[in-house]
Protein backbone atom coordinates (compact mmCIF):
# COMPACT_ATOMS: atom_id res chain seq x y z
CA MET A 1 -119.79 -19.53 63.08
CA PRO A 2 -123.47 -19.81 62.68
CA LEU A 3 -124.62 -23.45 61.63
CA LEU A 4 -126.56 -22.13 58.49
CA VAL A 5 -123.20 -20.83 57.25
CA PHE A 6 -121.35 -23.65 58.35
CA SER A 7 -123.78 -26.24 56.67
CA LEU A 8 -123.65 -24.00 53.33
CA MET A 9 -119.86 -24.01 53.43
CA LEU A 10 -119.95 -27.75 54.17
CA VAL A 11 -121.82 -28.26 50.88
CA VAL A 12 -119.54 -25.86 48.94
CA PHE A 13 -116.24 -28.04 50.43
CA GLY A 14 -118.06 -31.02 48.91
CA LEU A 15 -119.02 -29.47 45.52
CA THR A 16 -115.59 -27.85 45.22
CA THR A 17 -114.05 -31.31 45.88
CA GLY A 18 -115.95 -33.07 43.29
CA GLU A 19 -115.05 -30.48 41.00
CA PHE A 20 -111.54 -30.57 41.19
CA VAL A 21 -110.79 -34.49 42.19
CA ILE A 22 -111.32 -35.75 38.73
CA ALA A 23 -107.93 -33.89 37.70
CA GLY A 24 -105.93 -36.26 40.18
CA ILE A 25 -107.68 -39.53 39.08
CA LEU A 26 -108.05 -38.95 35.22
CA PRO A 27 -105.39 -41.94 34.63
CA GLU A 28 -107.57 -44.42 36.26
CA VAL A 29 -110.67 -43.39 34.72
CA ALA A 30 -109.37 -43.25 31.53
CA HIS A 31 -107.70 -46.79 32.00
CA ASP A 32 -110.95 -48.37 33.63
CA LEU A 33 -113.06 -46.89 30.73
CA SER A 34 -110.79 -47.78 27.99
CA VAL A 35 -110.67 -44.18 26.53
CA PRO A 36 -107.70 -42.01 25.92
CA VAL A 37 -106.50 -39.62 28.54
CA PRO A 38 -107.44 -36.37 26.86
CA ALA A 39 -111.13 -37.90 26.08
CA ALA A 40 -111.10 -38.51 30.09
CA GLY A 41 -110.22 -34.93 30.29
CA LEU A 42 -113.68 -33.71 28.53
CA LEU A 43 -114.90 -34.86 31.94
CA VAL A 44 -113.63 -31.38 33.42
CA SER A 45 -115.24 -29.50 30.43
CA ALA A 46 -118.47 -31.40 31.10
CA TYR A 47 -118.53 -30.07 34.79
CA ALA A 48 -117.70 -26.64 33.63
CA LEU A 49 -120.45 -26.59 30.73
CA GLY A 50 -122.86 -27.45 33.47
CA MET A 51 -121.95 -24.48 35.49
CA ILE A 52 -121.77 -22.41 32.48
CA VAL A 53 -125.23 -23.38 31.50
CA GLY A 54 -126.63 -23.79 34.78
CA GLY A 55 -126.05 -20.50 36.06
CA PRO A 56 -128.43 -18.52 34.35
CA VAL A 57 -131.08 -21.09 33.37
CA VAL A 58 -131.56 -23.05 36.60
CA THR A 59 -131.72 -19.74 38.45
CA THR A 60 -133.89 -18.12 36.08
CA LEU A 61 -136.33 -21.10 36.29
CA THR A 62 -136.19 -21.75 39.88
CA ALA A 63 -136.33 -17.55 41.03
CA ARG A 64 -139.67 -18.25 42.41
CA LEU A 65 -138.81 -21.11 44.52
CA PRO A 66 -138.46 -20.67 48.60
CA ARG A 67 -134.99 -20.82 49.02
CA ARG A 68 -135.24 -23.80 51.86
CA PRO A 69 -136.91 -26.33 49.08
CA LEU A 70 -134.77 -24.86 46.51
CA VAL A 71 -131.53 -25.45 48.23
CA VAL A 72 -132.53 -28.91 49.21
CA GLY A 73 -133.32 -29.78 45.37
CA LEU A 74 -130.15 -28.33 44.38
CA VAL A 75 -127.93 -30.40 46.40
CA VAL A 76 -130.16 -33.52 45.85
CA THR A 77 -129.51 -32.99 42.22
CA SER A 78 -125.62 -32.45 42.89
CA ILE A 79 -125.82 -35.92 45.20
CA ALA A 80 -127.68 -37.40 42.31
CA GLY A 81 -125.01 -36.37 39.59
CA ASN A 82 -122.13 -37.55 41.94
CA VAL A 83 -123.86 -41.11 42.67
CA ALA A 84 -124.35 -41.52 38.69
CA SER A 85 -120.73 -40.72 38.32
CA ALA A 86 -119.72 -43.23 41.23
CA LEU A 87 -121.92 -45.88 39.39
CA ALA A 88 -121.20 -45.28 35.73
CA PRO A 89 -120.93 -48.11 33.71
CA ALA A 90 -119.50 -46.47 30.59
CA TYR A 91 -117.84 -43.12 29.85
CA PRO A 92 -120.79 -41.45 28.24
CA VAL A 93 -122.86 -41.99 31.33
CA LEU A 94 -120.21 -40.54 33.40
CA LEU A 95 -119.89 -37.77 30.98
CA ALA A 96 -123.57 -37.39 31.79
CA GLY A 97 -123.28 -37.44 35.49
CA ARG A 98 -120.61 -35.00 35.75
CA PHE A 99 -122.70 -32.64 33.50
CA VAL A 100 -125.66 -32.82 35.66
CA ALA A 101 -123.22 -32.52 38.84
CA GLY A 102 -122.07 -29.27 37.53
CA LEU A 103 -125.54 -27.79 36.49
CA VAL A 104 -126.36 -26.68 40.05
CA VAL A 105 -123.39 -25.42 41.37
CA ALA A 106 -123.16 -22.21 40.12
CA THR A 107 -127.26 -21.61 41.35
CA PHE A 108 -126.34 -23.16 44.46
CA PHE A 109 -123.28 -20.62 45.06
CA ALA A 110 -125.65 -17.69 44.21
CA VAL A 111 -128.55 -18.83 46.79
CA ALA A 112 -125.92 -19.62 49.48
CA ILE A 113 -124.43 -16.35 49.41
CA ALA A 114 -127.67 -14.55 48.99
CA THR A 115 -128.95 -16.50 52.08
CA ALA A 116 -125.95 -16.31 54.23
CA VAL A 117 -125.48 -12.31 53.79
CA SER A 118 -129.40 -11.68 54.46
CA THR A 119 -128.81 -13.32 57.94
CA ALA A 120 -125.20 -11.53 58.40
CA PRO A 121 -125.18 -8.34 60.63
CA PRO A 122 -124.75 -4.81 58.91
CA GLY A 123 -121.11 -4.37 57.82
CA ARG A 124 -120.40 -8.02 57.97
CA HIS A 125 -121.44 -8.96 54.03
CA ALA A 126 -117.98 -9.50 52.39
CA SER A 127 -116.52 -11.69 55.71
CA THR A 128 -119.88 -13.94 55.50
CA VAL A 129 -119.03 -14.47 51.89
CA ALA A 130 -115.25 -14.92 53.00
CA LYS A 131 -116.55 -18.21 55.14
CA LEU A 132 -118.42 -19.61 52.53
CA THR A 133 -115.58 -19.42 50.17
CA LEU A 134 -113.44 -20.97 52.79
CA GLY A 135 -115.39 -24.35 51.77
CA MET A 136 -113.88 -23.66 48.28
CA ASN A 137 -110.42 -23.22 49.92
CA LEU A 138 -110.51 -26.23 51.82
CA GLY A 139 -111.89 -28.25 48.89
CA ILE A 140 -108.73 -27.40 47.01
CA ILE A 141 -106.40 -27.62 49.62
CA ALA A 142 -107.78 -30.87 51.51
CA GLY A 143 -110.41 -32.39 49.61
CA THR A 144 -108.75 -32.45 46.14
CA PRO A 145 -105.55 -34.10 47.59
CA LEU A 146 -107.73 -36.41 49.66
CA GLY A 147 -109.91 -37.48 47.23
CA THR A 148 -107.03 -38.59 45.16
CA VAL A 149 -105.61 -40.96 47.60
CA ILE A 150 -109.04 -41.97 48.01
CA GLY A 151 -109.18 -42.76 44.44
CA GLN A 152 -105.66 -44.33 44.18
CA HIS A 153 -106.39 -46.91 47.00
CA LEU A 154 -110.05 -47.50 46.64
CA GLY A 155 -110.75 -46.94 42.92
CA TRP A 156 -111.97 -43.90 40.89
CA ARG A 157 -115.25 -44.34 41.77
CA ALA A 158 -114.83 -43.74 45.36
CA PRO A 159 -114.26 -39.85 45.55
CA PHE A 160 -117.69 -39.23 43.75
CA ALA A 161 -119.13 -41.71 46.17
CA THR A 162 -117.58 -39.84 49.20
CA VAL A 163 -118.74 -36.46 47.57
CA ALA A 164 -122.11 -37.20 47.37
CA ALA A 165 -121.75 -38.52 50.94
CA ILE A 166 -120.52 -35.24 52.12
CA ALA A 167 -123.04 -33.29 50.47
CA ALA A 168 -126.17 -35.47 52.07
CA ALA A 169 -124.64 -34.90 55.39
CA ALA A 170 -124.27 -31.39 54.89
CA LEU A 171 -127.96 -31.31 53.63
CA VAL A 172 -129.03 -32.66 57.01
CA LEU A 173 -127.44 -29.56 58.67
CA VAL A 174 -129.03 -27.31 56.28
CA LEU A 175 -132.55 -28.84 56.96
CA VAL A 176 -131.69 -28.44 60.58
CA SER A 177 -130.43 -24.91 60.48
CA MET A 178 -132.46 -22.99 57.62
CA PRO A 179 -135.58 -21.19 58.17
CA ASN A 180 -138.44 -21.88 56.27
CA GLN A 181 -138.85 -18.65 54.08
CA PRO A 182 -141.39 -17.65 51.74
CA ALA A 183 -140.37 -17.27 47.92
CA PRO A 184 -138.40 -14.15 47.37
CA VAL A 185 -140.44 -11.29 45.80
CA VAL A 186 -139.34 -11.07 42.20
CA GLY A 187 -140.55 -9.78 39.15
CA SER A 188 -141.20 -10.94 35.43
CA LEU A 189 -138.40 -12.69 33.97
CA LEU A 190 -138.14 -10.12 31.59
CA GLY A 191 -137.72 -7.92 34.85
CA GLU A 192 -135.19 -10.08 36.43
CA LEU A 193 -133.15 -9.94 33.17
CA ARG A 194 -133.37 -6.05 33.00
CA VAL A 195 -130.88 -6.16 35.62
CA PHE A 196 -128.26 -6.84 33.19
CA THR A 197 -128.71 -3.47 31.42
CA ARG A 198 -127.44 -1.78 34.72
CA GLN A 199 -123.73 -0.66 33.76
CA ASP A 200 -122.94 -1.17 37.53
CA VAL A 201 -124.11 -4.97 37.01
CA VAL A 202 -121.97 -5.44 34.08
CA LEU A 203 -118.93 -3.99 35.07
CA ALA A 204 -119.10 -5.95 38.46
CA ILE A 205 -119.17 -9.28 36.43
CA ILE A 206 -116.52 -8.11 33.91
CA LEU A 207 -114.16 -7.23 37.00
CA THR A 208 -114.78 -10.56 38.11
CA ALA A 209 -113.62 -12.25 34.89
CA ALA A 210 -111.10 -9.70 34.19
CA GLY A 211 -109.44 -9.55 37.77
CA ASN A 212 -109.36 -13.39 38.26
CA LEU A 213 -108.19 -14.19 34.43
CA GLY A 214 -104.48 -13.42 35.10
CA VAL A 215 -104.23 -15.32 38.07
CA VAL A 216 -106.30 -18.29 37.00
CA THR A 217 -104.08 -18.89 33.91
CA VAL A 218 -100.90 -18.83 36.06
CA PHE A 219 -102.75 -21.33 38.66
CA SER A 220 -103.91 -23.70 35.71
CA PHE A 221 -100.40 -24.30 34.75
CA LEU A 222 -98.52 -24.62 38.04
CA ALA A 223 -97.01 -27.89 37.42
CA PRO A 224 -95.20 -27.21 34.37
CA LEU A 225 -94.29 -23.39 35.89
CA ALA A 226 -93.08 -25.32 38.72
CA THR A 227 -91.30 -28.13 37.33
CA ASP A 228 -90.20 -26.57 33.83
CA VAL A 229 -89.44 -22.96 35.34
CA SER A 230 -88.54 -23.09 39.00
CA GLY A 231 -86.85 -26.61 38.65
CA PHE A 232 -89.05 -28.43 41.48
CA SER A 233 -89.52 -32.27 40.87
CA ALA A 234 -93.04 -33.58 39.89
CA GLN A 235 -93.28 -34.87 43.57
CA ALA A 236 -92.91 -31.27 44.86
CA VAL A 237 -96.07 -29.88 43.07
CA PRO A 238 -98.80 -31.36 45.66
CA ALA A 239 -96.43 -29.34 48.54
CA LEU A 240 -96.70 -26.04 46.56
CA LEU A 241 -100.57 -26.49 45.68
CA LEU A 242 -100.68 -26.75 49.70
CA LEU A 243 -98.67 -23.48 50.18
CA TYR A 244 -100.84 -21.98 47.70
CA GLY A 245 -103.93 -23.37 49.19
CA THR A 246 -102.84 -22.04 52.49
CA GLY A 247 -102.03 -18.44 51.34
CA ALA A 248 -105.59 -18.75 49.49
CA VAL A 249 -107.39 -19.61 53.40
CA LEU A 250 -105.58 -16.23 54.96
CA GLY A 251 -106.19 -14.33 51.62
CA ASN A 252 -109.77 -15.10 52.03
CA PHE A 253 -110.14 -13.96 55.35
CA LEU A 254 -108.05 -10.71 54.71
CA GLY A 255 -110.40 -9.84 51.65
CA GLY A 256 -113.54 -10.13 53.28
CA TRP A 257 -112.31 -7.79 56.37
CA LEU A 258 -110.82 -5.05 53.99
CA ALA A 259 -114.39 -5.18 51.60
CA ASP A 260 -116.30 -4.72 54.67
CA LYS A 261 -114.25 -1.77 55.82
CA THR A 262 -113.95 -0.08 52.32
CA LEU A 263 -115.10 -2.27 49.43
CA MET A 264 -113.92 -0.91 45.76
CA PRO A 265 -110.91 0.85 47.33
CA SER A 266 -109.65 -2.02 49.06
CA LEU A 267 -110.59 -4.31 45.95
CA THR A 268 -108.85 -1.84 43.75
CA MET A 269 -105.47 -1.79 45.65
CA LEU A 270 -105.50 -5.47 46.11
CA LEU A 271 -105.71 -6.11 42.23
CA ALA A 272 -102.70 -3.56 41.99
CA VAL A 273 -100.76 -5.57 44.34
CA LEU A 274 -101.81 -8.88 42.27
CA ALA A 275 -100.62 -7.31 39.35
CA GLY A 276 -97.16 -6.15 40.68
CA VAL A 277 -96.62 -9.75 42.09
CA LEU A 278 -97.51 -11.54 38.90
CA ALA A 279 -94.84 -9.26 36.98
CA VAL A 280 -92.34 -10.01 39.76
CA GLY A 281 -92.93 -13.86 38.74
CA TRP A 282 -90.53 -13.73 36.13
CA PRO A 283 -87.58 -13.22 37.70
CA ALA A 284 -88.83 -14.88 40.86
CA SER A 285 -89.61 -17.96 39.42
CA GLY A 286 -86.25 -18.79 38.42
CA HIS A 287 -85.10 -19.72 42.10
CA GLN A 288 -86.89 -22.29 44.25
CA VAL A 289 -87.25 -20.41 47.50
CA SER A 290 -88.32 -17.17 45.74
CA ALA A 291 -90.89 -19.18 43.67
CA GLY A 292 -92.32 -20.72 46.93
CA VAL A 293 -92.77 -17.46 48.55
CA LEU A 294 -94.32 -16.14 45.09
CA TRP A 295 -96.91 -19.17 45.09
CA PHE A 296 -98.17 -18.43 48.81
CA VAL A 297 -98.48 -14.80 48.29
CA LEU A 298 -100.35 -15.52 44.70
CA GLY A 299 -102.55 -17.57 47.09
CA VAL A 300 -103.38 -14.92 49.49
CA LEU A 301 -103.94 -12.30 46.58
CA ALA A 302 -106.21 -14.47 44.42
CA PHE A 303 -108.41 -15.25 47.23
CA ALA A 304 -108.33 -12.00 48.99
CA ILE A 305 -110.11 -10.18 45.61
CA ILE A 306 -113.02 -13.09 45.59
CA PRO A 307 -114.98 -11.66 48.71
CA GLY A 308 -115.05 -8.11 47.31
CA MET A 309 -115.94 -9.27 43.87
CA GLN A 310 -119.04 -11.21 45.28
CA THR A 311 -120.08 -8.74 47.03
CA ARG A 312 -119.59 -5.77 44.46
CA VAL A 313 -122.20 -8.02 42.25
CA LEU A 314 -124.81 -8.28 45.03
CA THR A 315 -124.77 -4.53 46.03
CA THR A 316 -124.93 -3.51 42.34
CA ALA A 317 -127.60 -6.16 41.78
CA GLN A 318 -130.08 -5.64 44.26
CA ALA A 319 -133.04 -6.08 41.94
CA ALA A 320 -131.88 -9.80 40.92
CA PRO A 321 -129.06 -10.63 43.21
CA THR A 322 -128.98 -14.21 42.93
CA LEU A 323 -129.13 -14.18 39.19
CA ALA A 324 -126.60 -11.89 39.05
CA VAL A 325 -124.34 -13.96 41.33
CA ALA A 326 -124.84 -17.36 39.10
CA VAL A 327 -124.25 -15.33 35.86
CA ASN A 328 -121.14 -14.08 37.73
CA ALA A 329 -120.07 -17.67 38.53
CA SER A 330 -121.02 -18.62 35.01
CA GLY A 331 -118.59 -15.93 33.65
CA PHE A 332 -115.89 -16.88 35.84
CA GLN A 333 -115.96 -20.56 34.34
CA LEU A 334 -115.85 -18.85 30.95
CA ALA A 335 -112.74 -16.81 31.95
CA ALA A 336 -111.18 -19.89 33.53
CA ALA A 337 -111.77 -22.09 30.34
CA PHE A 338 -110.22 -18.69 28.19
CA ALA A 339 -107.11 -19.18 30.55
CA GLY A 340 -106.69 -22.98 29.90
CA TRP A 341 -106.61 -22.03 26.14
CA LEU A 342 -104.53 -19.12 26.52
CA GLY A 343 -101.80 -20.47 28.62
CA GLY A 344 -101.51 -23.57 26.18
CA ARG A 345 -100.75 -21.21 23.80
CA ILE A 346 -98.17 -19.50 25.38
CA ILE A 347 -96.41 -22.42 26.46
CA ASP A 348 -96.56 -23.60 22.78
CA GLY A 349 -95.14 -20.55 22.06
CA PRO A 350 -92.56 -17.80 24.02
CA GLY A 351 -92.55 -20.69 26.67
CA PRO A 352 -94.04 -21.02 30.23
CA ARG A 353 -92.39 -18.37 31.71
CA THR A 354 -93.90 -15.81 29.95
CA ILE A 355 -97.38 -16.43 31.63
CA TYR A 356 -96.41 -14.16 34.24
CA PRO A 357 -96.03 -11.06 32.60
CA VAL A 358 -98.81 -11.71 30.28
CA ALA A 359 -101.21 -12.73 33.46
CA ALA A 360 -99.75 -9.18 35.05
CA ALA A 361 -101.16 -7.48 31.97
CA LEU A 362 -104.50 -9.19 32.32
CA THR A 363 -104.74 -8.55 35.91
CA VAL A 364 -104.12 -4.50 34.78
CA ALA A 365 -107.10 -4.89 32.62
CA GLY A 366 -108.86 -6.02 35.63
CA LEU A 367 -107.79 -3.08 37.59
CA LEU A 368 -108.85 -0.78 35.04
CA VAL A 369 -112.48 -1.96 35.28
CA ALA A 370 -112.15 -1.73 39.03
CA LEU A 371 -111.06 2.21 38.63
CA SER A 372 -113.81 2.69 36.24
CA ALA A 373 -116.23 1.35 39.02
CA LEU A 374 -114.67 3.35 41.63
CA ARG A 375 -114.65 6.52 39.84
CA ARG A 376 -118.65 6.09 38.98
CA ASP A 377 -118.87 5.50 42.79
CA ARG A 378 -117.34 8.67 43.46
CA ARG A 379 -118.73 10.63 41.08
CA ARG A 380 -122.29 9.63 42.32
CA ALA A 381 -121.32 10.38 46.00
CA ALA A 382 -120.26 13.80 44.97
CA ALA A 383 -123.49 14.31 43.08
CA ALA A 384 -125.27 13.03 46.01
CA GLN A 385 -123.36 15.52 48.40
CA SER A 386 -124.00 18.21 46.03
CA LEU A 387 -127.81 17.64 45.52
CA GLY A 388 -127.72 17.44 49.85
CA ALA A 389 -126.03 20.65 49.92
CA GLY A 390 -128.58 22.27 47.51
CA SER A 391 -131.58 20.59 49.32
CA VAL A 392 -130.34 22.80 52.36
CA SER A 393 -129.63 25.97 50.63
CA ALA A 394 -132.95 25.99 48.76
CA PRO A 395 -135.56 25.73 51.76
CA ALA A 396 -133.39 28.47 53.70
CA ALA A 397 -134.15 30.75 50.60
CA SER A 398 -137.67 29.76 50.79
CA VAL A 399 -138.02 30.69 54.51
CA SER A 400 -137.22 34.60 53.73
CA SER A 401 -139.48 34.56 50.93
CA ARG A 402 -142.64 32.45 51.38
CA GLY A 403 -142.63 31.44 55.08
CA ALA A 404 -141.71 28.86 57.43
CA GLY A 405 -144.80 26.36 56.62
CA ILE A 406 -144.46 26.18 52.81
CA ASP A 407 -140.77 25.63 53.70
CA ARG A 408 -141.29 22.49 55.68
CA GLY A 409 -143.39 21.42 52.88
CA SER A 410 -140.59 21.85 50.57
CA SER A 411 -138.17 20.32 52.61
CA SER A 412 -139.66 16.99 53.03
CA SER A 413 -140.48 16.55 49.48
CA ALA A 414 -136.71 17.27 48.74
CA LYS A 415 -135.93 14.48 51.23
């Protein structure tokens, strides 16, 4: 793995750990700061809100900065947010620290993906995205549990200090490995925003939100699904998370490899399989062995679709790829927020087991978006092929009627 990609992946690992570790130390935070646990839960929302706001705003404001100082500035801001969280004397300061830490995440992901892809060889774009996504996988399956253990033994402030230290170490590697490239050529703000008038870009962002909504709803309620439906003990939930995360690592590389081979056909196939597996969740979740297999397979499929989705956004938004990827990340966060609300309503209504068929139906909606994008691609390819055939036959006719010299001129202008 190139040092640049590794250093960016290490930053992603730190940011992901910082995002999710709060879930494991909420009781300690609530007790120490004398706030109710639901209020402490708003710390998760503050981070997500930072990502949602920061995605389009920070990316637009920094679009004309050279990437090297931009990446440094983004990582330093994240470090400052985590240091503020570690030193927060009161709940409002901690809330502000979480917002600041999340504010730059979507923009960093977008810049990191665009930078890594720009250095990747042809045909390896999706697999390069998968290497960055590996940092997210490791943050979930290793960083978050480790951060929770650190918080339980050294206090809830220690995980935030650890995340800041990881980001600082990764920043040193970024400075060593990242070339000092000039600022990317971008147009006016209106021109940048105009990329969202393209139907392909909008479809790609909708695809990310709709395609992930079902499986994110299931993942958000893993604990009640595991204990109330599958009969696992609460102590077994971390093991299920590890099982899911292991599948996610494998799926990440599988999805990158498939997307490099054939982007939209493979992504459409993966979404169809994911919808089917979620539908099988209703009967499979009633038995512990089949439920364990189900969670592993869901981990594989949930992360197999990510490299292709990110690459789709990049390829359709060539006029403003960084902004599009950042908005895409914000869209994912909105989908995740909706998933939390929807899952809660389902649990309060028909019960947690119903999450599986609802998630399958939501994934089918994402599949329909993917099929629509695939049909658009094939229509364009057929039209281009037809146009190419027409440009061959037209010069042939002109040879017989007007002569070879005019024919060569018309042929070159057709190209």
